């Protein structure tokens, strides 16, 4: 196990559960923040795993997630806002 994998383990064990808890509980605005923060942490986790294992395919996954996560946040925000009349 190298340093990259150790940091990835610490991030997934210590940083991801609070984001998921926030994403599952609370008012809709707080859940949206939790899901958005979890997406960011998972992208960083993929980058750490790519360095740890020496695989470039994980970098591609991280880049796709970085592009799609804000778009998903905008879609959920639109649903939370409701229809304007």
C-alpha atoms as a PDB file:
ATOM      1  CA  UNK A   1       0.000   0.000   0.000  1.00  0.00           C
ATOM      2  CA  UNK A   2       1.401   3.370  -0.959  1.00  0.00           C
ATOM      3  CA  UNK A   3       0.616   6.880   0.265  1.00  0.00           C
ATOM      4  CA  UNK A   4      -1.973   7.532  -2.467  1.00  0.00           C
ATOM      5  CA  UNK A   5      -4.027   4.502  -1.481  1.00  0.00           C
ATOM      6  CA  UNK A   6      -3.741   5.377   2.194  1.00  0.00           C
ATOM      7  CA  UNK A   7      -5.093   8.877   1.574  1.00  0.00           C
ATOM      8  CA  UNK A   8      -7.883   7.409  -0.576  1.00  0.00           C
ATOM      9  CA  UNK A   9      -8.817   5.053   2.250  1.00  0.00           C
ATOM     10  CA  UNK A  10      -8.865   7.870   4.799  1.00  0.00           C
ATOM     11  CA  UNK A  11     -10.968  10.048   2.484  1.00  0.00           C
ATOM     12  CA  UNK A  12     -13.485   7.310   1.755  1.00  0.00           C
ATOM     13  CA  UNK A  13     -13.771   6.246   5.393  1.00  0.00           C
ATOM     14  CA  UNK A  14     -13.735   9.686   6.997  1.00  0.00           C
ATOM     15  CA  UNK A  15     -15.038  12.143   4.449  1.00  0.00           C
ATOM     16  CA  UNK A  16     -17.678  10.298   2.484  1.00  0.00           C
ATOM     17  CA  UNK A  17     -20.043   9.085   5.267  1.00  0.00           C
ATOM     18  CA  UNK A  18     -20.915  12.606   6.503  1.00  0.00           C
ATOM     19  CA  UNK A  19     -21.715  13.629   2.927  1.00  0.00           C
ATOM     20  CA  UNK A  20     -23.917  10.597   2.439  1.00  0.00           C
ATOM     21  CA  UNK A  21     -25.643  11.183   5.771  1.00  0.00           C
ATOM     22  CA  UNK A  22     -26.353  14.761   4.747  1.00  0.00           C
ATOM     23  CA  UNK A  23     -27.553  13.508   1.357  1.00  0.00           C
ATOM     24  CA  UNK A  24     -30.053  11.093   2.909  1.00  0.00           C
ATOM     25  CA  UNK A  25     -31.400  13.148   5.822  1.00  0.00           C
ATOM     26  CA  UNK A  26     -32.669  16.654   6.308  1.00  0.00           C
ATOM     27  CA  UNK A  27     -34.441  19.200   4.144  1.00  0.00           C
ATOM     28  CA  UNK A  28     -34.060  19.050   0.355  1.00  0.00           C
ATOM     29  CA  UNK A  29     -31.567  21.919   0.228  1.00  0.00           C
ATOM     30  CA  UNK A  30     -29.227  20.159   2.657  1.00  0.00           C
ATOM     31  CA  UNK A  31     -29.556  16.888   0.761  1.00  0.00           C
ATOM     32  CA  UNK A  32     -28.576  18.666  -2.439  1.00  0.00           C
ATOM     33  CA  UNK A  33     -25.450  20.051  -0.770  1.00  0.00           C
ATOM     34  CA  UNK A  34     -24.558  16.589   0.557  1.00  0.00           C
ATOM     35  CA  UNK A  35     -24.914  14.943  -2.839  1.00  0.00           C
ATOM     36  CA  UNK A  36     -22.885  17.684  -4.535  1.00  0.00           C
ATOM     37  CA  UNK A  37     -20.095  17.433  -1.973  1.00  0.00           C
ATOM     38  CA  UNK A  38     -20.105  13.628  -2.255  1.00  0.00           C
ATOM     39  CA  UNK A  39     -19.669  13.919  -6.020  1.00  0.00           C
ATOM     40  CA  UNK A  40     -16.657  16.159  -5.525  1.00  0.00           C
ATOM     41  CA  UNK A  41     -15.107  13.794  -3.007  1.00  0.00           C
ATOM     42  CA  UNK A  42     -15.663  10.788  -5.256  1.00  0.00           C
ATOM     43  CA  UNK A  43     -13.921  12.606  -8.117  1.00  0.00           C
ATOM     44  CA  UNK A  44     -10.935  13.265  -5.850  1.00  0.00           C
ATOM     45  CA  UNK A  45     -11.073   9.647  -4.717  1.00  0.00           C
ATOM     46  CA  UNK A  46     -10.861   8.465  -8.340  1.00  0.00           C
ATOM     47  CA  UNK A  47      -7.832  10.688  -8.892  1.00  0.00           C
ATOM     48  CA  UNK A  48      -6.137   9.285  -5.792  1.00  0.00           C
ATOM     49  CA  UNK A  49      -6.881   5.724  -6.894  1.00  0.00           C
ATOM     50  CA  UNK A  50      -5.513   6.480 -10.361  1.00  0.00           C
ATOM     51  CA  UNK A  51      -2.236   7.597  -8.809  1.00  0.00           C
ATOM     52  CA  UNK A  52      -2.176   4.708  -6.350  1.00  0.00           C
ATOM     53  CA  UNK A  53      -2.783   1.956  -8.894  1.00  0.00           C
ATOM     54  CA  UNK A  54      -1.122   3.679 -11.854  1.00  0.00           C
ATOM     55  CA  UNK A  55      -4.220   3.345 -14.062  1.00  0.00           C
ATOM     56  CA  UNK A  56      -5.236   6.181 -16.345  1.00  0.00           C
ATOM     57  CA  UNK A  57      -8.806   4.960 -16.805  1.00  0.00           C
ATOM     58  CA  UNK A  58      -9.679   6.209 -13.317  1.00  0.00           C
ATOM     59  CA  UNK A  59      -8.604   9.697 -14.366  1.00  0.00           C
ATOM     60  CA  UNK A  60     -11.119   9.518 -17.209  1.00  0.00           C
ATOM     61  CA  UNK A  61     -13.855   8.591 -14.736  1.00  0.00           C
ATOM     62  CA  UNK A  62     -12.913  11.502 -12.507  1.00  0.00           C
ATOM     63  CA  UNK A  63     -13.002  13.950 -15.408  1.00  0.00           C
ATOM     64  CA  UNK A  64     -16.431  12.727 -16.526  1.00  0.00           C
ATOM     65  CA  UNK A  65     -17.726  13.016 -12.971  1.00  0.00           C
ATOM     66  CA  UNK A  66     -16.341  16.538 -12.629  1.00  0.00           C
ATOM     67  CA  UNK A  67     -18.245  17.576 -15.751  1.00  0.00           C
ATOM     68  CA  UNK A  68     -21.512  15.812 -14.914  1.00  0.00           C
ATOM     69  CA  UNK A  69     -21.801  16.577 -11.180  1.00  0.00           C
ATOM     70  CA  UNK A  70     -22.477  20.339 -11.549  1.00  0.00           C
ATOM     71  CA  UNK A  71     -24.959  19.629 -14.352  1.00  0.00           C
ATOM     72  CA  UNK A  72     -26.805  17.222 -12.070  1.00  0.00           C
ATOM     73  CA  UNK A  73     -26.817  19.825  -9.326  1.00  0.00           C
ATOM     74  CA  UNK A  74     -28.411  22.334 -11.681  1.00  0.00           C
ATOM     75  CA  UNK A  75     -31.105  19.823 -12.658  1.00  0.00           C
ATOM     76  CA  UNK A  76     -31.926  19.028  -9.020  1.00  0.00           C
ATOM     77  CA  UNK A  77     -31.978  22.734  -8.189  1.00  0.00           C
ATOM     78  CA  UNK A  78     -34.501  23.251 -10.964  1.00  0.00           C
ATOM     79  CA  UNK A  79     -36.688  20.512  -9.472  1.00  0.00           C
ATOM     80  CA  UNK A  80     -36.419  22.054  -6.006  1.00  0.00           C
ATOM     81  CA  UNK A  81     -37.403  25.480  -7.296  1.00  0.00           C
ATOM     82  CA  UNK A  82     -40.640  24.151  -8.739  1.00  0.00           C
ATOM     83  CA  UNK A  83     -42.535  25.581 -11.625  1.00  0.00           C
ATOM     84  CA  UNK A  84     -42.823  29.334 -11.849  1.00  0.00           C
ATOM     85  CA  UNK A  85     -46.210  30.619 -12.942  1.00  0.00           C
END
